[in-house]
Structure formats: structure tokens, C-alpha cells
């Protein structure tokens, strides 16, 4: 997560700051896992202008309560879940299967 975040934003967030919050599995009708995505969250305490946009990645900041309608649909529930985890009130790591 550290490397991926840095590559896409130039933000340095330490390994211990990333919290695993969920796993999303895409499965077959027989419950064989086709793909798996691990979801992590971290708090960044700097300013938004610290993020550096690359030629191929566009960075935009939004209030957590105003995720754009064209965002990936699962962000509507993942962002509130991440906020609860970061506040220390999150439930256990969850697994979402579809």
C-alpha cells in the first residue's frame, strides 16, 4: 500500500498507518474465487497540495460525504466503513463476496 500510494500520489504514508478493512471476492457459481481485492485505509494529515499529479493519474479530493455519482459503486459503503475503522470504531475485517 505504501508503494502504490506513493507511486500514484507522491504521498508517504507509513506501513503501520494502513489498516486492512475488507476483502472483496469475485466468485464463480461454485464459490471458486476468480479475483480478490484487499481494501486498506489510512489517514493522511498533510494538506491536499502535497499530492502530486502524474501525467497519467488525475488526483481529486472530495469530502467523504460527497463522493461523486460516477465513482466506483462500492465506494459508497467502503468510505464510511474506512472512516469507522480509522476512528477505532470499525467492526472486524469483513469479506464481501459476489
PDB file of N, CA and C in Angstrom:
ATOM      1  N   UNK A   1       0.810  -1.185   0.000  1.00  0.00           N
ATOM      2  CA  UNK A   1       0.000   0.000   0.000  1.00  0.00           C
ATOM      3  C   UNK A   1       0.861   1.259   0.000  1.00  0.00           C
ATOM      4  N   UNK A   2       1.954   1.213   0.762  1.00  0.00           N
ATOM      5  CA  UNK A   2       2.850   2.376   0.793  1.00  0.00           C
ATOM      6  C   UNK A   2       3.356   2.709  -0.604  1.00  0.00           C
ATOM      7  N   UNK A   3       3.855   1.702  -1.294  1.00  0.00           N
ATOM      8  CA  UNK A   3       4.434   1.908  -2.624  1.00  0.00           C
ATOM      9  C   UNK A   3       3.374   2.388  -3.603  1.00  0.00           C
ATOM     10  N   UNK A   4       2.219   1.751  -3.597  1.00  0.00           N
ATOM     11  CA  UNK A   4       1.155   2.103  -4.538  1.00  0.00           C
ATOM     12  C   UNK A   4       0.679   3.534  -4.302  1.00  0.00           C
ATOM     13  N   UNK A   5       0.478   3.895  -3.057  1.00  0.00           N
ATOM     14  CA  UNK A   5       0.049   5.256  -2.724  1.00  0.00           C
ATOM     15  C   UNK A   5       1.103   6.272  -3.167  1.00  0.00           C
ATOM     16  N   UNK A   6       2.366   5.973  -2.891  1.00  0.00           N
ATOM     17  CA  UNK A   6       3.433   6.895  -3.275  1.00  0.00           C
ATOM     18  C   UNK A   6       3.535   7.034  -4.792  1.00  0.00           C
ATOM     19  N   UNK A   7       3.427   5.909  -5.515  1.00  0.00           N
ATOM     20  CA  UNK A   7       3.530   5.954  -6.979  1.00  0.00           C
ATOM     21  C   UNK A   7       2.427   6.805  -7.598  1.00  0.00           C
ATOM     22  N   UNK A   8       1.234   6.756  -7.028  1.00  0.00           N
ATOM     23  CA  UNK A   8       0.108   7.448  -7.641  1.00  0.00           C
ATOM     24  C   UNK A   8      -0.111   8.863  -7.125  1.00  0.00           C
ATOM     25  N   UNK A   9       0.463   9.192  -5.950  1.00  0.00           N
ATOM     26  CA  UNK A   9       0.186  10.495  -5.354  1.00  0.00           C
ATOM     27  C   UNK A   9       1.418  11.229  -4.823  1.00  0.00           C
ATOM     28  N   UNK A  10       2.537  10.545  -4.684  1.00  0.00           N
ATOM     29  CA  UNK A  10       3.752  11.058  -4.047  1.00  0.00           C
ATOM     30  C   UNK A  10       3.581  11.278  -2.538  1.00  0.00           C
ATOM     31  N   UNK A  11       2.504  10.767  -1.965  1.00  0.00           N
ATOM     32  CA  UNK A  11       2.288  10.882  -0.525  1.00  0.00           C
ATOM     33  C   UNK A  11       2.967   9.721   0.182  1.00  0.00           C
ATOM     34  N   UNK A  12       3.676  10.024   1.254  1.00  0.00           N
ATOM     35  CA  UNK A  12       4.353   8.994   2.041  1.00  0.00           C
ATOM     36  C   UNK A  12       3.523   8.705   3.288  1.00  0.00           C
ATOM     37  N   UNK A  13       2.931   7.512   3.315  1.00  0.00           N
ATOM     38  CA  UNK A  13       2.150   7.056   4.464  1.00  0.00           C
ATOM     39  C   UNK A  13       2.786   5.748   4.912  1.00  0.00           C
ATOM     40  N   UNK A  14       3.209   5.680   6.163  1.00  0.00           N
ATOM     41  CA  UNK A  14       3.932   4.528   6.685  1.00  0.00           C
ATOM     42  C   UNK A  14       3.126   3.239   6.710  1.00  0.00           C
ATOM     43  N   UNK A  15       3.831   2.126   6.667  1.00  0.00           N
ATOM     44  CA  UNK A  15       3.187   0.804   6.640  1.00  0.00           C
ATOM     45  C   UNK A  15       2.260   0.592   7.829  1.00  0.00           C
ATOM     46  N   UNK A  16       2.648   1.053   8.993  1.00  0.00           N
ATOM     47  CA  UNK A  16       1.828   0.844  10.198  1.00  0.00           C
ATOM     48  C   UNK A  16       0.563   1.692  10.202  1.00  0.00           C
ATOM     49  N   UNK A  17       0.485   2.675   9.312  1.00  0.00           N
ATOM     50  CA  UNK A  17      -0.692   3.543   9.250  1.00  0.00           C
ATOM     51  C   UNK A  17      -1.823   2.956   8.406  1.00  0.00           C
ATOM     52  N   UNK A  18      -1.525   1.928   7.618  1.00  0.00           N
ATOM     53  CA  UNK A  18      -2.536   1.311   6.757  1.00  0.00           C
ATOM     54  C   UNK A  18      -3.270   0.216   7.535  1.00  0.00           C
ATOM     55  N   UNK A  19      -4.605   0.298   7.556  1.00  0.00           N
ATOM     56  CA  UNK A  19      -5.423  -0.700   8.244  1.00  0.00           C
ATOM     57  C   UNK A  19      -6.185  -1.537   7.224  1.00  0.00           C
ATOM     58  N   UNK A  20      -6.088  -2.869   7.300  1.00  0.00           N
ATOM     59  CA  UNK A  20      -6.913  -3.695   6.421  1.00  0.00           C
ATOM     60  C   UNK A  20      -8.349  -3.642   6.916  1.00  0.00           C
ATOM     61  N   UNK A  21      -9.290  -3.345   6.016  1.00  0.00           N
ATOM     62  CA  UNK A  21     -10.677  -3.238   6.461  1.00  0.00           C
ATOM     63  C   UNK A  21     -11.610  -4.240   5.794  1.00  0.00           C
ATOM     64  N   UNK A  22     -11.259  -4.704   4.596  1.00  0.00           N
ATOM     65  CA  UNK A  22     -12.175  -5.616   3.908  1.00  0.00           C
ATOM     66  C   UNK A  22     -11.454  -6.380   2.810  1.00  0.00           C
ATOM     67  N   UNK A  23     -12.051  -7.486   2.421  1.00  0.00           N
ATOM     68  CA  UNK A  23     -11.624  -8.257   1.262  1.00  0.00           C
ATOM     69  C   UNK A  23     -12.843  -8.432   0.370  1.00  0.00           C
ATOM     70  N   UNK A  24     -12.694  -8.132  -0.902  1.00  0.00           N
ATOM     71  CA  UNK A  24     -13.790  -8.324  -1.855  1.00  0.00           C
ATOM     72  C   UNK A  24     -13.400  -9.464  -2.777  1.00  0.00           C
ATOM     73  N   UNK A  25     -14.236 -10.507  -2.800  1.00  0.00           N
ATOM     74  CA  UNK A  25     -14.003 -11.673  -3.649  1.00  0.00           C
ATOM     75  C   UNK A  25     -15.039 -11.731  -4.759  1.00  0.00           C
ATOM     76  N   UNK A  26     -14.582 -11.977  -5.959  1.00  0.00           N
ATOM     77  CA  UNK A  26     -15.487 -12.304  -7.063  1.00  0.00           C
ATOM     78  C   UNK A  26     -15.405 -13.810  -7.221  1.00  0.00           C
ATOM     79  N   UNK A  27     -16.546 -14.475  -7.166  1.00  0.00           N
ATOM     80  CA  UNK A  27     -16.546 -15.938  -7.196  1.00  0.00           C
ATOM     81  C   UNK A  27     -17.399 -16.491  -8.339  1.00  0.00           C
ATOM     82  N   UNK A  28     -17.162 -17.754  -8.625  1.00  0.00           N
ATOM     83  CA  UNK A  28     -17.981 -18.463  -9.597  1.00  0.00           C
ATOM     84  C   UNK A  28     -19.224 -19.000  -8.885  1.00  0.00           C
ATOM     85  N   UNK A  29     -20.113 -19.633  -9.634  1.00  0.00           N
ATOM     86  CA  UNK A  29     -21.297 -20.256  -9.041  1.00  0.00           C
ATOM     87  C   UNK A  29     -20.927 -21.356  -8.054  1.00  0.00           C
ATOM     88  N   UNK A  30     -19.740 -21.909  -8.172  1.00  0.00           N
ATOM     89  CA  UNK A  30     -19.276 -22.979  -7.281  1.00  0.00           C
ATOM     90  C   UNK A  30     -18.394 -22.433  -6.159  1.00  0.00           C
ATOM     91  N   UNK A  31     -18.428 -21.125  -5.950  1.00  0.00           N
ATOM     92  CA  UNK A  31     -17.657 -20.445  -4.903  1.00  0.00           C
ATOM     93  C   UNK A  31     -16.149 -20.497  -5.102  1.00  0.00           C
ATOM     94  N   UNK A  32     -15.692 -20.745  -6.311  1.00  0.00           N
ATOM     95  CA  UNK A  32     -14.261 -20.629  -6.606  1.00  0.00           C
ATOM     96  C   UNK A  32     -13.950 -19.140  -6.747  1.00  0.00           C
ATOM     97  N   UNK A  33     -12.872 -18.683  -6.134  1.00  0.00           N
ATOM     98  CA  UNK A  33     -12.511 -17.270  -6.189  1.00  0.00           C
ATOM     99  C   UNK A  33     -11.849 -16.949  -7.527  1.00  0.00           C
ATOM    100  N   UNK A  34     -12.447 -16.019  -8.267  1.00  0.00           N
ATOM    101  CA  UNK A  34     -11.887 -15.569  -9.541  1.00  0.00           C
ATOM    102  C   UNK A  34     -10.906 -14.420  -9.340  1.00  0.00           C
ATOM    103  N   UNK A  35     -11.256 -13.521  -8.443  1.00  0.00           N
ATOM    104  CA  UNK A  35     -10.371 -12.390  -8.133  1.00  0.00           C
ATOM    105  C   UNK A  35     -10.605 -11.963  -6.692  1.00  0.00           C
ATOM    106  N   UNK A  36      -9.591 -11.326  -6.144  1.00  0.00           N
ATOM    107  CA  UNK A  36      -9.668 -10.885  -4.751  1.00  0.00           C
ATOM    108  C   UNK A  36      -9.001  -9.524  -4.635  1.00  0.00           C
ATOM    109  N   UNK A  37      -9.671  -8.601  -3.968  1.00  0.00           N
ATOM    110  CA  UNK A  37      -9.142  -7.261  -3.752  1.00  0.00           C
ATOM    111  C   UNK A  37      -9.123  -7.003  -2.247  1.00  0.00           C
ATOM    112  N   UNK A  38      -7.951  -6.632  -1.741  1.00  0.00           N
ATOM    113  CA  UNK A  38      -7.816  -6.288  -0.325  1.00  0.00           C
ATOM    114  C   UNK A  38      -7.999  -4.776  -0.201  1.00  0.00           C
ATOM    115  N   UNK A  39      -8.828  -4.344   0.737  1.00  0.00           N
ATOM    116  CA  UNK A  39      -9.121  -2.924   0.924  1.00  0.00           C
ATOM    117  C   UNK A  39      -8.428  -2.441   2.201  1.00  0.00           C
ATOM    118  N   UNK A  40      -7.655  -1.369   2.076  1.00  0.00           N
ATOM    119  CA  UNK A  40      -6.944  -0.769   3.195  1.00  0.00           C
ATOM    120  C   UNK A  40      -7.349   0.706   3.312  1.00  0.00           C
ATOM    121  N   UNK A  41      -7.195   1.248   4.496  1.00  0.00           N
ATOM    122  CA  UNK A  41      -7.464   2.668   4.715  1.00  0.00           C
ATOM    123  C   UNK A  41      -6.340   3.259   5.548  1.00  0.00           C
ATOM    124  N   UNK A  42      -6.067   4.529   5.323  1.00  0.00           N
ATOM    125  CA  UNK A  42      -5.079   5.258   6.117  1.00  0.00           C
ATOM    126  C   UNK A  42      -5.508   6.708   6.193  1.00  0.00           C
ATOM    127  N   UNK A  43      -5.084   7.360   7.234  1.00  0.00           N
ATOM    128  CA  UNK A  43      -5.355   8.784   7.406  1.00  0.00           C
ATOM    129  C   UNK A  43      -4.115   9.560   6.961  1.00  0.00           C
ATOM    130  N   UNK A  44      -4.337  10.602   6.170  1.00  0.00           N
ATOM    131  CA  UNK A  44      -3.234  11.487   5.783  1.00  0.00           C
ATOM    132  C   UNK A  44      -3.468  12.820   6.457  1.00  0.00           C
ATOM    133  N   UNK A  45      -2.503  13.288   7.214  1.00  0.00           N
ATOM    134  CA  UNK A  45      -2.671  14.510   7.997  1.00  0.00           C
ATOM    135  C   UNK A  45      -2.043  15.745   7.370  1.00  0.00           C
ATOM    136  N   UNK A  46      -1.529  15.610   6.161  1.00  0.00           N
ATOM    137  CA  UNK A  46      -0.938  16.764   5.481  1.00  0.00           C
ATOM    138  C   UNK A  46      -2.013  17.574   4.772  1.00  0.00           C
ATOM    139  N   UNK A  47      -1.568  18.393   3.834  1.00  0.00           N
ATOM    140  CA  UNK A  47      -2.502  19.215   3.069  1.00  0.00           C
ATOM    141  C   UNK A  47      -2.696  18.622   1.674  1.00  0.00           C
ATOM    142  N   UNK A  48      -3.819  18.929   1.057  1.00  0.00           N
ATOM    143  CA  UNK A  48      -4.156  18.325  -0.233  1.00  0.00           C
ATOM    144  C   UNK A  48      -3.140  18.639  -1.318  1.00  0.00           C
ATOM    145  N   UNK A  49      -2.470  19.770  -1.233  1.00  0.00           N
ATOM    146  CA  UNK A  49      -1.499  20.131  -2.270  1.00  0.00           C
ATOM    147  C   UNK A  49      -0.205  19.318  -2.160  1.00  0.00           C
ATOM    148  N   UNK A  50      -0.074  18.501  -1.123  1.00  0.00           N
ATOM    149  CA  UNK A  50       1.085  17.599  -1.018  1.00  0.00           C
ATOM    150  C   UNK A  50       1.039  16.515  -2.094  1.00  0.00           C
ATOM    151  N   UNK A  51      -0.155  16.167  -2.545  1.00  0.00           N
ATOM    152  CA  UNK A  51      -0.299  15.134  -3.570  1.00  0.00           C
ATOM    153  C   UNK A  51       0.137  15.705  -4.914  1.00  0.00           C
ATOM    154  N   UNK A  52       0.976  14.960  -5.612  1.00  0.00           N
ATOM    155  CA  UNK A  52       1.486  15.403  -6.907  1.00  0.00           C
ATOM    156  C   UNK A  52       0.875  14.541  -8.001  1.00  0.00           C
ATOM    157  N   UNK A  53       0.220  15.194  -8.917  1.00  0.00           N
ATOM    158  CA  UNK A  53      -0.451  14.512 -10.018  1.00  0.00           C
ATOM    159  C   UNK A  53       0.550  14.145 -11.105  1.00  0.00           C
ATOM    160  N   UNK A  54       0.490  12.903 -11.562  1.00  0.00           N
ATOM    161  CA  UNK A  54       1.377  12.493 -12.658  1.00  0.00           C
ATOM    162  C   UNK A  54       0.673  12.732 -13.987  1.00  0.00           C
ATOM    163  N   UNK A  55       1.388  12.473 -15.069  1.00  0.00           N
ATOM    164  CA  UNK A  55       0.814  12.673 -16.392  1.00  0.00           C
ATOM    165  C   UNK A  55      -0.364  11.744 -16.671  1.00  0.00           C
ATOM    166  N   UNK A  56      -0.376  10.557 -16.057  1.00  0.00           N
ATOM    167  CA  UNK A  56      -1.422   9.581 -16.361  1.00  0.00           C
ATOM    168  C   UNK A  56      -2.401   9.343 -15.211  1.00  0.00           C
ATOM    169  N   UNK A  57      -2.205   9.982 -14.073  1.00  0.00           N
ATOM    170  CA  UNK A  57      -3.101   9.824 -12.925  1.00  0.00           C
ATOM    171  C   UNK A  57      -3.613  11.188 -12.492  1.00  0.00           C
ATOM    172  N   UNK A  58      -4.923  11.339 -12.449  1.00  0.00           N
ATOM    173  CA  UNK A  58      -5.527  12.587 -12.003  1.00  0.00           C
ATOM    174  C   UNK A  58      -5.927  12.450 -10.537  1.00  0.00           C
ATOM    175  N   UNK A  59      -5.569  13.400  -9.719  1.00  0.00           N
ATOM    176  CA  UNK A  59      -5.894  13.375  -8.292  1.00  0.00           C
ATOM    177  C   UNK A  59      -6.990  14.394  -8.025  1.00  0.00           C
ATOM    178  N   UNK A  60      -8.043  13.939  -7.354  1.00  0.00           N
ATOM    179  CA  UNK A  60      -9.115  14.835  -6.935  1.00  0.00           C
ATOM    180  C   UNK A  60      -9.450  14.531  -5.488  1.00  0.00           C
ATOM    181  N   UNK A  61      -9.783  15.552  -4.718  1.00  0.00           N
ATOM    182  CA  UNK A  61     -10.168  15.392  -3.322  1.00  0.00           C
ATOM    183  C   UNK A  61     -11.651  15.730  -3.205  1.00  0.00           C
ATOM    184  N   UNK A  62     -12.365  14.920  -2.426  1.00  0.00           N
ATOM    185  CA  UNK A  62     -13.783  15.143  -2.197  1.00  0.00           C
ATOM    186  C   UNK A  62     -14.085  14.976  -0.713  1.00  0.00           C
ATOM    187  N   UNK A  63     -15.051  15.719  -0.195  1.00  0.00           N
ATOM    188  CA  UNK A  63     -15.492  15.444   1.168  1.00  0.00           C
ATOM    189  C   UNK A  63     -16.028  14.008   1.235  1.00  0.00           C
ATOM    190  N   UNK A  64     -15.782  13.315   2.331  1.00  0.00           N
ATOM    191  CA  UNK A  64     -16.218  11.918   2.424  1.00  0.00           C
ATOM    192  C   UNK A  64     -17.725  11.786   2.239  1.00  0.00           C
ATOM    193  N   UNK A  65     -18.470  12.820   2.542  1.00  0.00           N
ATOM    194  CA  UNK A  65     -19.930  12.749   2.425  1.00  0.00           C
ATOM    195  C   UNK A  65     -20.431  13.119   1.033  1.00  0.00           C
ATOM    196  N   UNK A  66     -19.528  13.427   0.110  1.00  0.00           N
ATOM    197  CA  UNK A  66     -19.938  13.873  -1.222  1.00  0.00           C
ATOM    198  C   UNK A  66     -19.176  13.133  -2.313  1.00  0.00           C
ATOM    199  N   UNK A  67     -19.157  11.819  -2.229  1.00  0.00           N
ATOM    200  CA  UNK A  67     -18.495  11.021  -3.262  1.00  0.00           C
ATOM    201  C   UNK A  67     -19.286  11.198  -4.563  1.00  0.00           C
ATOM    202  N   UNK A  68     -18.620  11.517  -5.649  1.00  0.00           N
ATOM    203  CA  UNK A  68     -19.331  11.748  -6.918  1.00  0.00           C
ATOM    204  C   UNK A  68     -20.123  10.518  -7.370  1.00  0.00           C
ATOM    205  N   UNK A  69     -21.211  10.763  -8.060  1.00  0.00           N
ATOM    206  CA  UNK A  69     -22.068   9.675  -8.550  1.00  0.00           C
ATOM    207  C   UNK A  69     -21.344   8.751  -9.516  1.00  0.00           C
ATOM    208  N   UNK A  70     -20.330   9.246 -10.222  1.00  0.00           N
ATOM    209  CA  UNK A  70     -19.633   8.416 -11.200  1.00  0.00           C
ATOM    210  C   UNK A  70     -18.457   7.647 -10.592  1.00  0.00           C
ATOM    211  N   UNK A  71     -18.318   7.676  -9.261  1.00  0.00           N
ATOM    212  CA  UNK A  71     -17.257   6.908  -8.592  1.00  0.00           C
ATOM    213  C   UNK A  71     -17.629   5.421  -8.596  1.00  0.00           C
ATOM    214  N   UNK A  72     -16.643   4.577  -8.383  1.00  0.00           N
ATOM    215  CA  UNK A  72     -16.884   3.141  -8.298  1.00  0.00           C
ATOM    216  C   UNK A  72     -17.969   2.907  -7.247  1.00  0.00           C
ATOM    217  N   UNK A  73     -18.981   2.119  -7.573  1.00  0.00           N
ATOM    218  CA  UNK A  73     -20.168   1.997  -6.724  1.00  0.00           C
ATOM    219  C   UNK A  73     -19.876   1.533  -5.300  1.00  0.00           C
ATOM    220  N   UNK A  74     -18.911   0.652  -5.103  1.00  0.00           N
ATOM    221  CA  UNK A  74     -18.676   0.155  -3.753  1.00  0.00           C
ATOM    222  C   UNK A  74     -18.020   1.197  -2.836  1.00  0.00           C
ATOM    223  N   UNK A  75     -17.560   2.325  -3.397  1.00  0.00           N
ATOM    224  CA  UNK A  75     -17.007   3.384  -2.545  1.00  0.00           C
ATOM    225  C   UNK A  75     -18.071   3.988  -1.636  1.00  0.00           C
ATOM    226  N   UNK A  76     -19.331   3.890  -2.040  1.00  0.00           N
ATOM    227  CA  UNK A  76     -20.419   4.450  -1.233  1.00  0.00           C
ATOM    228  C   UNK A  76     -20.503   3.785   0.140  1.00  0.00           C
ATOM    229  N   UNK A  77     -20.119   2.502   0.243  1.00  0.00           N
ATOM    230  CA  UNK A  77     -20.112   1.853   1.566  1.00  0.00           C
ATOM    231  C   UNK A  77     -18.700   1.661   2.114  1.00  0.00           C
ATOM    232  N   UNK A  78     -17.687   1.597   1.253  1.00  0.00           N
ATOM    233  CA  UNK A  78     -16.321   1.409   1.741  1.00  0.00           C
ATOM    234  C   UNK A  78     -15.779   2.648   2.461  1.00  0.00           C
ATOM    235  N   UNK A  79     -16.119   3.832   1.988  1.00  0.00           N
ATOM    236  CA  UNK A  79     -15.611   5.051   2.626  1.00  0.00           C
ATOM    237  C   UNK A  79     -16.156   5.198   4.051  1.00  0.00           C
ATOM    238  N   UNK A  80     -17.465   5.064   4.284  1.00  0.00           N
ATOM    239  CA  UNK A  80     -17.930   5.117   5.678  1.00  0.00           C
ATOM    240  C   UNK A  80     -17.321   4.010   6.542  1.00  0.00           C
ATOM    241  N   UNK A  81     -17.135   2.821   5.990  1.00  0.00           N
ATOM    242  CA  UNK A  81     -16.518   1.728   6.735  1.00  0.00           C
ATOM    243  C   UNK A  81     -15.075   2.082   7.099  1.00  0.00           C
ATOM    244  N   UNK A  82     -14.334   2.643   6.161  1.00  0.00           N
ATOM    245  CA  UNK A  82     -12.952   3.039   6.417  1.00  0.00           C
ATOM    246  C   UNK A  82     -12.890   4.108   7.501  1.00  0.00           C
ATOM    247  N   UNK A  83     -13.788   5.080   7.445  1.00  0.00           N
ATOM    248  CA  UNK A  83     -13.804   6.140   8.474  1.00  0.00           C
ATOM    249  C   UNK A  83     -14.016   5.548   9.859  1.00  0.00           C
ATOM    250  N   UNK A  84     -14.917   4.599   9.983  1.00  0.00           N
ATOM    251  CA  UNK A  84     -15.176   3.978  11.286  1.00  0.00           C
ATOM    252  C   UNK A  84     -13.939   3.220  11.782  1.00  0.00           C
ATOM    253  N   UNK A  85     -13.270   2.509  10.891  1.00  0.00           N
ATOM    254  CA  UNK A  85     -12.039   1.807  11.274  1.00  0.00           C
ATOM    255  C   UNK A  85     -10.960   2.786  11.728  1.00  0.00           C
ATOM    256  N   UNK A  86     -10.806   3.871  11.004  1.00  0.00           N
ATOM    257  CA  UNK A  86      -9.771   4.846  11.338  1.00  0.00           C
ATOM    258  C   UNK A  86     -10.062   5.571  12.657  1.00  0.00           C
ATOM    259  N   UNK A  87     -11.333   5.662  13.023  1.00  0.00           N
ATOM    260  CA  UNK A  87     -11.705   6.263  14.306  1.00  0.00           C
ATOM    261  C   UNK A  87     -11.593   5.246  15.450  1.00  0.00           C
ATOM    262  N   UNK A  88     -11.321   3.976  15.101  1.00  0.00           N
ATOM    263  CA  UNK A  88     -11.227   2.941  16.123  1.00  0.00           C
ATOM    264  C   UNK A  88     -12.548   2.301  16.465  1.00  0.00           C
ATOM    265  N   UNK A  89     -13.584   2.566  15.668  1.00  0.00           N
ATOM    266  CA  UNK A  89     -14.908   2.015  15.940  1.00  0.00           C
ATOM    267  C   UNK A  89     -15.322   0.966  14.925  1.00  0.00           C
ATOM    268  N   UNK A  90     -14.430   0.623  14.014  1.00  0.00           N
ATOM    269  CA  UNK A  90     -14.790  -0.304  12.951  1.00  0.00           C
ATOM    270  C   UNK A  90     -15.001  -1.714  13.461  1.00  0.00           C
ATOM    271  N   UNK A  91     -15.846  -2.442  12.755  1.00  0.00           N
ATOM    272  CA  UNK A  91     -16.061  -3.840  13.090  1.00  0.00           C
ATOM    273  C   UNK A  91     -14.854  -4.648  12.625  1.00  0.00           C
ATOM    274  N   UNK A  92     -14.924  -5.931  12.776  1.00  0.00           N
ATOM    275  CA  UNK A  92     -13.842  -6.795  12.317  1.00  0.00           C
ATOM    276  C   UNK A  92     -13.703  -6.694  10.808  1.00  0.00           C
ATOM    277  N   UNK A  93     -12.559  -7.157  10.312  1.00  0.00           N
ATOM    278  CA  UNK A  93     -12.320  -7.244   8.864  1.00  0.00           C
ATOM    279  C   UNK A  93     -13.476  -8.014   8.236  1.00  0.00           C
ATOM    280  N   UNK A  94     -14.057  -7.497   7.168  1.00  0.00           N
ATOM    281  CA  UNK A  94     -15.177  -8.196   6.557  1.00  0.00           C
ATOM    282  C   UNK A  94     -14.771  -8.744   5.196  1.00  0.00           C
ATOM    283  N   UNK A  95     -15.495  -9.781   4.778  1.00  0.00           N
ATOM    284  CA  UNK A  95     -15.294 -10.362   3.461  1.00  0.00           C
ATOM    285  C   UNK A  95     -16.582 -10.193   2.689  1.00  0.00           C
ATOM    286  N   UNK A  96     -16.473  -9.592   1.513  1.00  0.00           N
ATOM    287  CA  UNK A  96     -17.620  -9.352   0.646  1.00  0.00           C
ATOM    288  C   UNK A  96     -17.448 -10.252  -0.564  1.00  0.00           C
ATOM    289  N   UNK A  97     -18.428 -11.060  -0.839  1.00  0.00           N
ATOM    290  CA  UNK A  97     -18.346 -11.985  -1.969  1.00  0.00           C
ATOM    291  C   UNK A  97     -19.486 -11.730  -2.932  1.00  0.00           C
ATOM    292  N   UNK A  98     -19.151 -11.714  -4.206  1.00  0.00           N
ATOM    293  CA  UNK A  98     -20.193 -11.603  -5.233  1.00  0.00           C
ATOM    294  C   UNK A  98     -19.829 -12.425  -6.421  1.00  0.00           C
TER     295      UNK A  98
END
